Structure formats: structure tokens, C-alpha cells
PDB file of all heavy atoms in Angstrom:
ATOM      1  N   ALA A   1     118.309  18.717 142.705  1.00  0.00           N
ATOM      2  CA  ALA A   1     118.090  19.614 141.568  1.00  0.00           C
ATOM      3  C   ALA A   1     116.998  20.634 141.876  1.00  0.00           C
ATOM      4  O   ALA A   1     117.128  21.829 141.553  1.00  0.00           O
ATOM      5  CB  ALA A   1     117.722  18.804 140.326  1.00  0.00           C
ATOM      6  N   LEU A   2     115.924  20.192 142.519  1.00  0.00           N
ATOM      7  CA  LEU A   2     114.837  21.109 142.863  1.00  0.00           C
ATOM      8  C   LEU A   2     115.252  22.076 143.962  1.00  0.00           C
ATOM      9  O   LEU A   2     114.921  23.269 143.917  1.00  0.00           O
ATOM     10  CB  LEU A   2     113.601  20.315 143.285  1.00  0.00           C
ATOM     11  CG  LEU A   2     112.887  19.530 142.178  1.00  0.00           C
ATOM     12  CD1 LEU A   2     111.746  18.714 142.753  1.00  0.00           C
ATOM     13  CD2 LEU A   2     112.363  20.455 141.090  1.00  0.00           C
ATOM     14  N   GLU A   3     115.971  21.577 144.979  1.00  0.00           N
ATOM     15  CA  GLU A   3     116.434  22.448 146.064  1.00  0.00           C
ATOM     16  C   GLU A   3     117.322  23.566 145.529  1.00  0.00           C
ATOM     17  O   GLU A   3     117.180  24.735 145.913  1.00  0.00           O
ATOM     18  CB  GLU A   3     117.206  21.636 147.107  1.00  0.00           C
ATOM     19  CG  GLU A   3     116.327  20.825 148.034  1.00  0.00           C
ATOM     20  CD  GLU A   3     117.144  20.005 149.025  1.00  0.00           C
ATOM     21  OE1 GLU A   3     118.322  19.700 148.722  1.00  0.00           O
ATOM     22  OE2 GLU A   3     116.601  19.671 150.090  1.00  0.00           O
ATOM     23  N   ASP A   4     118.254  23.218 144.651  1.00  0.00           N
ATOM     24  CA  ASP A   4     119.166  24.219 144.093  1.00  0.00           C
ATOM     25  C   ASP A   4     118.397  25.255 143.283  1.00  0.00           C
ATOM     26  O   ASP A   4     118.693  26.461 143.349  1.00  0.00           O
ATOM     27  CB  ASP A   4     120.213  23.543 143.202  1.00  0.00           C
ATOM     28  CG  ASP A   4     121.217  22.724 144.010  1.00  0.00           C
ATOM     29  OD1 ASP A   4     121.260  22.888 145.247  1.00  0.00           O
ATOM     30  OD2 ASP A   4     121.935  21.910 143.399  1.00  0.00           O
ATOM     31  N   ALA A   5     117.403  24.796 142.496  1.00  0.00           N
ATOM     32  CA  ALA A   5     116.612  25.724 141.691  1.00  0.00           C
ATOM     33  C   ALA A   5     115.816  26.673 142.583  1.00  0.00           C
ATOM     34  O   ALA A   5     115.706  27.873 142.297  1.00  0.00           O
ATOM     35  CB  ALA A   5     115.670  24.952 140.772  1.00  0.00           C
ATOM     36  N   CYS A   6     115.265  26.157 143.660  1.00  0.00           N
ATOM     37  CA  CYS A   6     114.498  26.998 144.593  1.00  0.00           C
ATOM     38  C   CYS A   6     115.400  28.025 145.267  1.00  0.00           C
ATOM     39  O   CYS A   6     115.032  29.193 145.427  1.00  0.00           O
ATOM     40  CB  CYS A   6     113.816  26.128 145.645  1.00  0.00           C
ATOM     41  SG  CYS A   6     112.496  25.086 145.016  1.00  0.00           S
ATOM     42  N   SER A   7     116.585  27.594 145.683  1.00  0.00           N
ATOM     43  CA  SER A   7     117.514  28.503 146.359  1.00  0.00           C
ATOM     44  C   SER A   7     117.882  29.671 145.464  1.00  0.00           C
ATOM     45  O   SER A   7     118.059  30.803 145.932  1.00  0.00           O
ATOM     46  CB  SER A   7     118.777  27.747 146.788  1.00  0.00           C
ATOM     47  OG  SER A   7     118.457  26.734 147.728  1.00  0.00           O
ATOM     48  N   ALA A   8     117.989  29.402 144.164  1.00  0.00           N
ATOM     49  CA  ALA A   8     118.391  30.448 143.221  1.00  0.00           C
ATOM     50  C   ALA A   8     117.348  31.556 143.112  1.00  0.00           C
ATOM     51  O   ALA A   8     117.675  32.675 142.706  1.00  0.00           O
ATOM     52  CB  ALA A   8     118.657  29.833 141.845  1.00  0.00           C
ATOM     53  N   THR A   9     116.088  31.280 143.468  1.00  0.00           N
ATOM     54  CA  THR A   9     115.047  32.306 143.365  1.00  0.00           C
ATOM     55  C   THR A   9     115.118  33.312 144.504  1.00  0.00           C
ATOM     56  O   THR A   9     114.596  34.424 144.385  1.00  0.00           O
ATOM     57  CB  THR A   9     113.646  31.671 143.388  1.00  0.00           C
ATOM     58  OG1 THR A   9     113.396  31.098 144.688  1.00  0.00           O
ATOM     59  CG2 THR A   9     113.507  30.606 142.307  1.00  0.00           C
ATOM     60  N   GLY A  10     115.722  32.920 145.632  1.00  0.00           N
ATOM     61  CA  GLY A  10     115.744  33.791 146.800  1.00  0.00           C
ATOM     62  C   GLY A  10     114.456  33.795 147.589  1.00  0.00           C
ATOM     63  O   GLY A  10     114.335  34.497 148.594  1.00  0.00           O
ATOM     64  N   LEU A  11     113.467  32.994 147.163  1.00  0.00           N
ATOM     65  CA  LEU A  11     112.192  32.939 147.877  1.00  0.00           C
ATOM     66  C   LEU A  11     112.270  31.989 149.064  1.00  0.00           C
ATOM     67  O   LEU A  11     113.110  31.088 149.117  1.00  0.00           O
ATOM     68  CB  LEU A  11     111.077  32.474 146.932  1.00  0.00           C
ATOM     69  CG  LEU A  11     110.726  33.406 145.768  1.00  0.00           C
ATOM     70  CD1 LEU A  11     109.729  32.724 144.846  1.00  0.00           C
ATOM     71  CD2 LEU A  11     110.152  34.719 146.284  1.00  0.00           C
ATOM     72  N   GLN A  12     111.372  32.182 150.027  1.00  0.00           N
ATOM     73  CA  GLN A  12     111.277  31.265 151.171  1.00  0.00           C
ATOM     74  C   GLN A  12     110.930  29.870 150.661  1.00  0.00           C
ATOM     75  O   GLN A  12     110.080  29.709 149.791  1.00  0.00           O
ATOM     76  CB  GLN A  12     110.195  31.741 152.140  1.00  0.00           C
ATOM     77  CG  GLN A  12     109.990  30.824 153.347  1.00  0.00           C
ATOM     78  CD  GLN A  12     108.767  31.192 154.166  1.00  0.00           C
ATOM     79  OE1 GLN A  12     107.992  32.074 153.780  1.00  0.00           O
ATOM     80  NE2 GLN A  12     108.579  30.538 155.286  1.00  0.00           N
ATOM     81  N   LEU A  13     111.597  28.859 151.210  1.00  0.00           N
ATOM     82  CA  LEU A  13     111.354  27.472 150.831  1.00  0.00           C
ATOM     83  C   LEU A  13     110.861  26.703 152.052  1.00  0.00           C
ATOM     84  O   LEU A  13     111.551  26.626 153.070  1.00  0.00           O
ATOM     85  CB  LEU A  13     112.627  26.829 150.275  1.00  0.00           C
ATOM     86  CG  LEU A  13     112.512  25.368 149.829  1.00  0.00           C
ATOM     87  CD1 LEU A  13     111.488  25.229 148.708  1.00  0.00           C
ATOM     88  CD2 LEU A  13     113.860  24.827 149.388  1.00  0.00           C
ATOM     89  N   VAL A  14     109.670  26.123 151.946  1.00  0.00           N
ATOM     90  CA  VAL A  14     109.040  25.395 153.050  1.00  0.00           C
ATOM     91  C   VAL A  14     109.048  23.905 152.715  1.00  0.00           C
ATOM     92  O   VAL A  14     108.583  23.508 151.647  1.00  0.00           O
ATOM     93  CB  VAL A  14     107.592  25.881 153.278  1.00  0.00           C
ATOM     94  CG1 VAL A  14     106.908  25.057 154.360  1.00  0.00           C
ATOM     95  CG2 VAL A  14     107.582  27.359 153.638  1.00  0.00           C
ATOM     96  N   PRO A  15     109.570  23.050 153.599  1.00  0.00           N
ATOM     97  CA  PRO A  15     109.594  21.608 153.313  1.00  0.00           C
ATOM     98  C   PRO A  15     108.226  20.967 153.477  1.00  0.00           C
ATOM     99  O   PRO A  15     107.430  21.386 154.313  1.00  0.00           O
ATOM    100  CB  PRO A  15     110.581  21.065 154.349  1.00  0.00           C
ATOM    101  CG  PRO A  15     110.524  22.043 155.482  1.00  0.00           C
ATOM    102  CD  PRO A  15     110.248  23.382 154.866  1.00  0.00           C
ATOM    103  N   ASP A  16     107.966  19.948 152.672  1.00  0.00           N
ATOM    104  CA  ASP A  16     106.719  19.176 152.736  1.00  0.00           C
ATOM    105  C   ASP A  16     107.070  17.697 152.612  1.00  0.00           C
ATOM    106  O   ASP A  16     106.833  17.077 151.571  1.00  0.00           O
ATOM    107  CB  ASP A  16     105.771  19.618 151.626  1.00  0.00           C
ATOM    108  CG  ASP A  16     104.503  18.771 151.563  1.00  0.00           C
ATOM    109  OD1 ASP A  16     104.048  18.304 152.621  1.00  0.00           O
ATOM    110  OD2 ASP A  16     103.975  18.576 150.444  1.00  0.00           O
ATOM    111  N   PRO A  17     107.660  17.104 153.653  1.00  0.00           N
ATOM    112  CA  PRO A  17     108.051  15.694 153.564  1.00  0.00           C
ATOM    113  C   PRO A  17     106.843  14.781 153.397  1.00  0.00           C
ATOM    114  O   PRO A  17     105.824  14.951 154.063  1.00  0.00           O
ATOM    115  CB  PRO A  17     108.756  15.440 154.901  1.00  0.00           C
ATOM    116  CG  PRO A  17     108.271  16.514 155.820  1.00  0.00           C
ATOM    117  CD  PRO A  17     107.978  17.696 154.958  1.00  0.00           C
ATOM    118  N   GLY A  18     106.962  13.839 152.468  1.00  0.00           N
ATOM    119  CA  GLY A  18     105.869  12.897 152.221  1.00  0.00           C
ATOM    120  C   GLY A  18     104.859  13.372 151.212  1.00  0.00           C
ATOM    121  O   GLY A  18     103.952  12.631 150.839  1.00  0.00           O
ATOM    122  N   GLY A  19     104.988  14.625 150.712  1.00  0.00           N
ATOM    123  CA  GLY A  19     103.987  15.178 149.810  1.00  0.00           C
ATOM    124  C   GLY A  19     104.300  15.028 148.342  1.00  0.00           C
ATOM    125  O   GLY A  19     103.575  15.544 147.496  1.00  0.00           O
ATOM    126  N   ALA A  20     105.382  14.321 148.015  1.00  0.00           N
ATOM    127  CA  ALA A  20     105.786  14.175 146.614  1.00  0.00           C
ATOM    128  C   ALA A  20     104.802  13.304 145.845  1.00  0.00           C
ATOM    129  O   ALA A  20     104.026  12.542 146.421  1.00  0.00           O
ATOM    130  CB  ALA A  20     107.183  13.560 146.536  1.00  0.00           C
ATOM    131  N   ALA A  21     104.857  13.430 144.514  1.00  0.00           N
ATOM    132  CA  ALA A  21     104.160  12.471 143.664  1.00  0.00           C
ATOM    133  C   ALA A  21     104.876  11.126 143.772  1.00  0.00           C
ATOM    134  O   ALA A  21     106.038  11.061 144.183  1.00  0.00           O
ATOM    135  CB  ALA A  21     104.161  12.955 142.214  1.00  0.00           C
ATOM    136  N   PHE A  22     104.213  10.048 143.400  1.00  0.00           N
ATOM    137  CA  PHE A  22     104.818   8.726 143.578  1.00  0.00           C
ATOM    138  C   PHE A  22     106.065   8.545 142.727  1.00  0.00           C
ATOM    139  O   PHE A  22     106.923   7.727 143.026  1.00  0.00           O
ATOM    140  CB  PHE A  22     103.796   7.617 143.279  1.00  0.00           C
ATOM    141  CG  PHE A  22     103.408   7.489 141.833  1.00  0.00           C
ATOM    142  CD1 PHE A  22     104.145   6.689 140.973  1.00  0.00           C
ATOM    143  CD2 PHE A  22     102.297   8.153 141.328  1.00  0.00           C
ATOM    144  CE1 PHE A  22     103.790   6.558 139.644  1.00  0.00           C
ATOM    145  CE2 PHE A  22     101.936   8.026 140.000  1.00  0.00           C
ATOM    146  CZ  PHE A  22     102.681   7.228 139.150  1.00  0.00           C
ATOM    147  N   TYR A  23     106.195   9.371 141.659  1.00  0.00           N
ATOM    148  CA  TYR A  23     107.301   9.184 140.726  1.00  0.00           C
ATOM    149  C   TYR A  23     108.434  10.186 140.913  1.00  0.00           C
ATOM    150  O   TYR A  23     109.417  10.137 140.186  1.00  0.00           O
ATOM    151  CB  TYR A  23     106.801   9.272 139.284  1.00  0.00           C
ATOM    152  CG  TYR A  23     105.940  10.491 139.009  1.00  0.00           C
ATOM    153  CD1 TYR A  23     106.498  11.766 138.875  1.00  0.00           C
ATOM    154  CD2 TYR A  23     104.562  10.370 138.881  1.00  0.00           C
ATOM    155  CE1 TYR A  23     105.720  12.868 138.633  1.00  0.00           C
ATOM    156  CE2 TYR A  23     103.769  11.474 138.622  1.00  0.00           C
ATOM    157  CZ  TYR A  23     104.358  12.723 138.500  1.00  0.00           C
ATOM    158  OH  TYR A  23     103.574  13.821 138.253  1.00  0.00           O
ATOM    159  N   GLY A  24     108.310  11.132 141.868  1.00  0.00           N
ATOM    160  CA  GLY A  24     109.396  12.083 142.050  1.00  0.00           C
ATOM    161  C   GLY A  24     108.978  13.284 142.873  1.00  0.00           C
ATOM    162  O   GLY A  24     107.785  13.538 143.087  1.00  0.00           O
ATOM    163  N   PRO A  25     109.964  14.064 143.342  1.00  0.00           N
ATOM    164  CA  PRO A  25     109.677  15.251 144.159  1.00  0.00           C
ATOM    165  C   PRO A  25     109.097  16.383 143.314  1.00  0.00           C
ATOM    166  O   PRO A  25     109.190  16.371 142.092  1.00  0.00           O
ATOM    167  CB  PRO A  25     111.055  15.622 144.712  1.00  0.00           C
ATOM    168  CG  PRO A  25     112.019  15.117 143.687  1.00  0.00           C
ATOM    169  CD  PRO A  25     111.407  13.855 143.139  1.00  0.00           C
ATOM    170  N   LYS A  26     108.503  17.354 143.989  1.00  0.00           N
ATOM    171  CA  LYS A  26     107.926  18.480 143.260  1.00  0.00           C
ATOM    172  C   LYS A  26     108.093  19.768 144.051  1.00  0.00           C
ATOM    173  O   LYS A  26     108.251  19.755 145.280  1.00  0.00           O
ATOM    174  CB  LYS A  26     106.445  18.251 142.958  1.00  0.00           C
ATOM    175  CG  LYS A  26     105.524  18.345 144.173  1.00  0.00           C
ATOM    176  CD  LYS A  26     104.049  18.233 143.778  1.00  0.00           C
ATOM    177  CE  LYS A  26     103.151  18.325 145.014  1.00  0.00           C
ATOM    178  NZ  LYS A  26     101.722  18.242 144.672  1.00  0.00           N
ATOM    179  N   VAL A  27     108.047  20.870 143.328  1.00  0.00           N
ATOM    180  CA  VAL A  27     108.014  22.201 143.923  1.00  0.00           C
ATOM    181  C   VAL A  27     106.693  22.845 143.540  1.00  0.00           C
ATOM    182  O   VAL A  27     106.261  22.750 142.387  1.00  0.00           O
ATOM    183  CB  VAL A  27     109.183  23.068 143.425  1.00  0.00           C
ATOM    184  CG1 VAL A  27     109.003  24.523 143.858  1.00  0.00           C
ATOM    185  CG2 VAL A  27     110.506  22.530 143.947  1.00  0.00           C
ATOM    186  N   SER A  28     106.037  23.478 144.488  1.00  0.00           N
ATOM    187  CA  SER A  28     104.814  24.225 144.185  1.00  0.00           C
ATOM    188  C   SER A  28     105.003  25.671 144.605  1.00  0.00           C
ATOM    189  O   SER A  28     105.663  25.966 145.605  1.00  0.00           O
ATOM    190  CB  SER A  28     103.599  23.616 144.893  1.00  0.00           C
ATOM    191  OG  SER A  28     103.781  23.595 146.284  1.00  0.00           O
ATOM    192  N   VAL A  29     104.436  26.570 143.814  1.00  0.00           N
ATOM    193  CA  VAL A  29     104.434  27.992 144.142  1.00  0.00           C
ATOM    194  C   VAL A  29     103.171  28.278 144.947  1.00  0.00           C
ATOM    195  O   VAL A  29     102.057  28.056 144.460  1.00  0.00           O
ATOM    196  CB  VAL A  29     104.464  28.854 142.868  1.00  0.00           C
ATOM    197  CG1 VAL A  29     104.441  30.343 143.242  1.00  0.00           C
ATOM    198  CG2 VAL A  29     105.698  28.536 142.033  1.00  0.00           C
ATOM    199  N   GLN A  30     103.357  28.730 146.170  1.00  0.00           N
ATOM    200  CA  GLN A  30     102.241  29.093 147.036  1.00  0.00           C
ATOM    201  C   GLN A  30     102.049  30.602 146.959  1.00  0.00           C
ATOM    202  O   GLN A  30     102.985  31.369 147.175  1.00  0.00           O
ATOM    203  CB  GLN A  30     102.514  28.660 148.480  1.00  0.00           C
ATOM    204  CG  GLN A  30     102.873  27.187 148.631  1.00  0.00           C
ATOM    205  CD  GLN A  30     101.697  26.266 148.421  1.00  0.00           C
ATOM    206  OE1 GLN A  30     100.551  26.650 148.649  1.00  0.00           O
ATOM    207  NE2 GLN A  30     101.957  25.040 147.990  1.00  0.00           N
ATOM    208  N   VAL A  31     100.823  31.027 146.639  1.00  0.00           N
ATOM    209  CA  VAL A  31     100.543  32.437 146.374  1.00  0.00           C
ATOM    210  C   VAL A  31      99.554  32.966 147.411  1.00  0.00           C
ATOM    211  O   VAL A  31      98.549  32.321 147.696  1.00  0.00           O
ATOM    212  CB  VAL A  31      99.942  32.614 144.963  1.00  0.00           C
ATOM    213  CG1 VAL A  31      99.637  34.081 144.692  1.00  0.00           C
ATOM    214  CG2 VAL A  31     100.893  32.073 143.916  1.00  0.00           C
ATOM    215  N   LYS A  32      99.853  34.157 147.927  1.00  0.00           N
ATOM    216  CA  LYS A  32      98.907  34.815 148.834  1.00  0.00           C
ATOM    217  C   LYS A  32      98.045  35.780 148.031  1.00  0.00           C
ATOM    218  O   LYS A  32      98.537  36.531 147.200  1.00  0.00           O
ATOM    219  CB  LYS A  32      99.647  35.562 149.939  1.00  0.00           C
ATOM    220  CG  LYS A  32     100.284  34.635 150.963  1.00  0.00           C
ATOM    221  CD  LYS A  32     100.859  35.407 152.133  1.00  0.00           C
ATOM    222  CE  LYS A  32     101.448  34.455 153.169  1.00  0.00           C
ATOM    223  NZ  LYS A  32     102.037  35.181 154.316  1.00  0.00           N
ATOM    224  N   ASP A  33      96.730  35.743 148.320  1.00  0.00           N
ATOM    225  CA  ASP A  33      95.813  36.620 147.599  1.00  0.00           C
ATOM    226  C   ASP A  33      95.637  37.939 148.343  1.00  0.00           C
ATOM    227  O   ASP A  33      96.335  38.220 149.324  1.00  0.00           O
ATOM    228  CB  ASP A  33      94.483  35.917 147.334  1.00  0.00           C
ATOM    229  CG  ASP A  33      93.679  35.645 148.607  1.00  0.00           C
ATOM    230  OD1 ASP A  33      94.042  36.167 149.689  1.00  0.00           O
ATOM    231  OD2 ASP A  33      92.669  34.920 148.528  1.00  0.00           O
ATOM    232  N   ALA A  34      94.681  38.737 147.875  1.00  0.00           N
ATOM    233  CA  ALA A  34      94.504  40.088 148.402  1.00  0.00           C
ATOM    234  C   ALA A  34      94.135  40.122 149.877  1.00  0.00           C
ATOM    235  O   ALA A  34      94.360  41.133 150.555  1.00  0.00           O
ATOM    236  CB  ALA A  34      93.436  40.820 147.590  1.00  0.00           C
ATOM    237  N   ILE A  35      93.567  39.035 150.411  1.00  0.00           N
ATOM    238  CA  ILE A  35      93.201  39.030 151.835  1.00  0.00           C
ATOM    239  C   ILE A  35      94.051  38.043 152.630  1.00  0.00           C
ATOM    240  O   ILE A  35      93.678  37.622 153.718  1.00  0.00           O
ATOM    241  CB  ILE A  35      91.693  38.764 152.036  1.00  0.00           C
ATOM    242  CG1 ILE A  35      91.265  37.430 151.427  1.00  0.00           C
ATOM    243  CG2 ILE A  35      90.874  39.896 151.458  1.00  0.00           C
ATOM    244  CD1 ILE A  35      89.813  37.068 151.746  1.00  0.00           C
ATOM    245  N   GLY A  36      95.202  37.669 152.065  1.00  0.00           N
ATOM    246  CA  GLY A  36      96.190  36.904 152.823  1.00  0.00           C
ATOM    247  C   GLY A  36      96.038  35.408 152.819  1.00  0.00           C
ATOM    248  O   GLY A  36      96.797  34.711 153.489  1.00  0.00           O
ATOM    249  N   ARG A  37      95.087  34.861 152.057  1.00  0.00           N
ATOM    250  CA  ARG A  37      94.946  33.407 151.988  1.00  0.00           C
ATOM    251  C   ARG A  37      95.983  32.836 151.030  1.00  0.00           C
ATOM    252  O   ARG A  37      96.373  33.484 150.069  1.00  0.00           O
ATOM    253  CB  ARG A  37      93.543  33.028 151.521  1.00  0.00           C
ATOM    254  CG  ARG A  37      92.441  33.454 152.465  1.00  0.00           C
ATOM    255  CD  ARG A  37      91.082  33.249 151.839  1.00  0.00           C
ATOM    256  NE  ARG A  37      90.953  34.008 150.602  1.00  0.00           N
ATOM    257  CZ  ARG A  37      89.865  34.010 149.836  1.00  0.00           C
ATOM    258  NH1 ARG A  37      88.824  33.275 150.180  1.00  0.00           N
ATOM    259  NH2 ARG A  37      89.811  34.739 148.734  1.00  0.00           N
ATOM    260  N   THR A  38      96.399  31.599 151.295  1.00  0.00           N
ATOM    261  CA  THR A  38      97.417  30.961 150.468  1.00  0.00           C
ATOM    262  C   THR A  38      96.784  29.940 149.542  1.00  0.00           C
ATOM    263  O   THR A  38      95.963  29.122 149.962  1.00  0.00           O
ATOM    264  CB  THR A  38      98.471  30.272 151.360  1.00  0.00           C
ATOM    265  OG1 THR A  38      99.090  31.259 152.187  1.00  0.00           O
ATOM    266  CG2 THR A  38      99.537  29.610 150.516  1.00  0.00           C
ATOM    267  N   TRP A  39      97.203  29.981 148.271  1.00  0.00           N
ATOM    268  CA  TRP A  39      96.709  29.054 147.261  1.00  0.00           C
ATOM    269  C   TRP A  39      97.903  28.401 146.573  1.00  0.00           C
ATOM    270  O   TRP A  39      98.885  29.073 146.249  1.00  0.00           O
ATOM    271  CB  TRP A  39      95.892  29.789 146.195  1.00  0.00           C
ATOM    272  CG  TRP A  39      94.715  30.550 146.712  1.00  0.00           C
ATOM    273  CD1 TRP A  39      94.701  31.843 147.152  1.00  0.00           C
ATOM    274  CD2 TRP A  39      93.369  30.080 146.836  1.00  0.00           C
ATOM    275  NE1 TRP A  39      93.445  32.205 147.536  1.00  0.00           N
ATOM    276  CE2 TRP A  39      92.601  31.142 147.350  1.00  0.00           C
ATOM    277  CE3 TRP A  39      92.741  28.865 146.540  1.00  0.00           C
ATOM    278  CZ2 TRP A  39      91.235  31.026 147.587  1.00  0.00           C
ATOM    279  CZ3 TRP A  39      91.379  28.757 146.785  1.00  0.00           C
ATOM    280  CH2 TRP A  39      90.644  29.819 147.298  1.00  0.00           C
ATOM    281  N   GLN A  40      97.804  27.102 146.333  1.00  0.00           N
ATOM    282  CA  GLN A  40      98.840  26.453 145.531  1.00  0.00           C
ATOM    283  C   GLN A  40      98.570  26.731 144.057  1.00  0.00           C
ATOM    284  O   GLN A  40      97.482  26.500 143.564  1.00  0.00           O
ATOM    285  CB  GLN A  40      98.867  24.947 145.759  1.00  0.00           C
ATOM    286  CG  GLN A  40      99.910  24.235 144.888  1.00  0.00           C
ATOM    287  CD  GLN A  40      99.964  22.745 145.123  1.00  0.00           C
ATOM    288  OE1 GLN A  40     100.240  22.293 146.225  1.00  0.00           O
ATOM    289  NE2 GLN A  40      99.688  21.973 144.083  1.00  0.00           N
TER     290      GLN A  40
END
């Protein structure tokens, strides 16, 4: 369900195996700031 929702956005999707919460998978939006750093 999360993969399909991400694909629909057209944005790059980066896998993070093992990073889920204990109760289920998650998607996070990673944002680049004005000097190129990435923030969740």
C-alpha cells in the first residue's frame, strides 16, 4: 500500500530496510534545504 502510494507521486523512492516502526512500515518525506542538507 505504501509503495503504490509513493509511486503515484512520481518522486524518487529510496529503500530503508529494517527502519520500520515495530508495528508497521512507514514512508518519510526527505527534504533538502537551501544549502543542500537533507532533513526528515
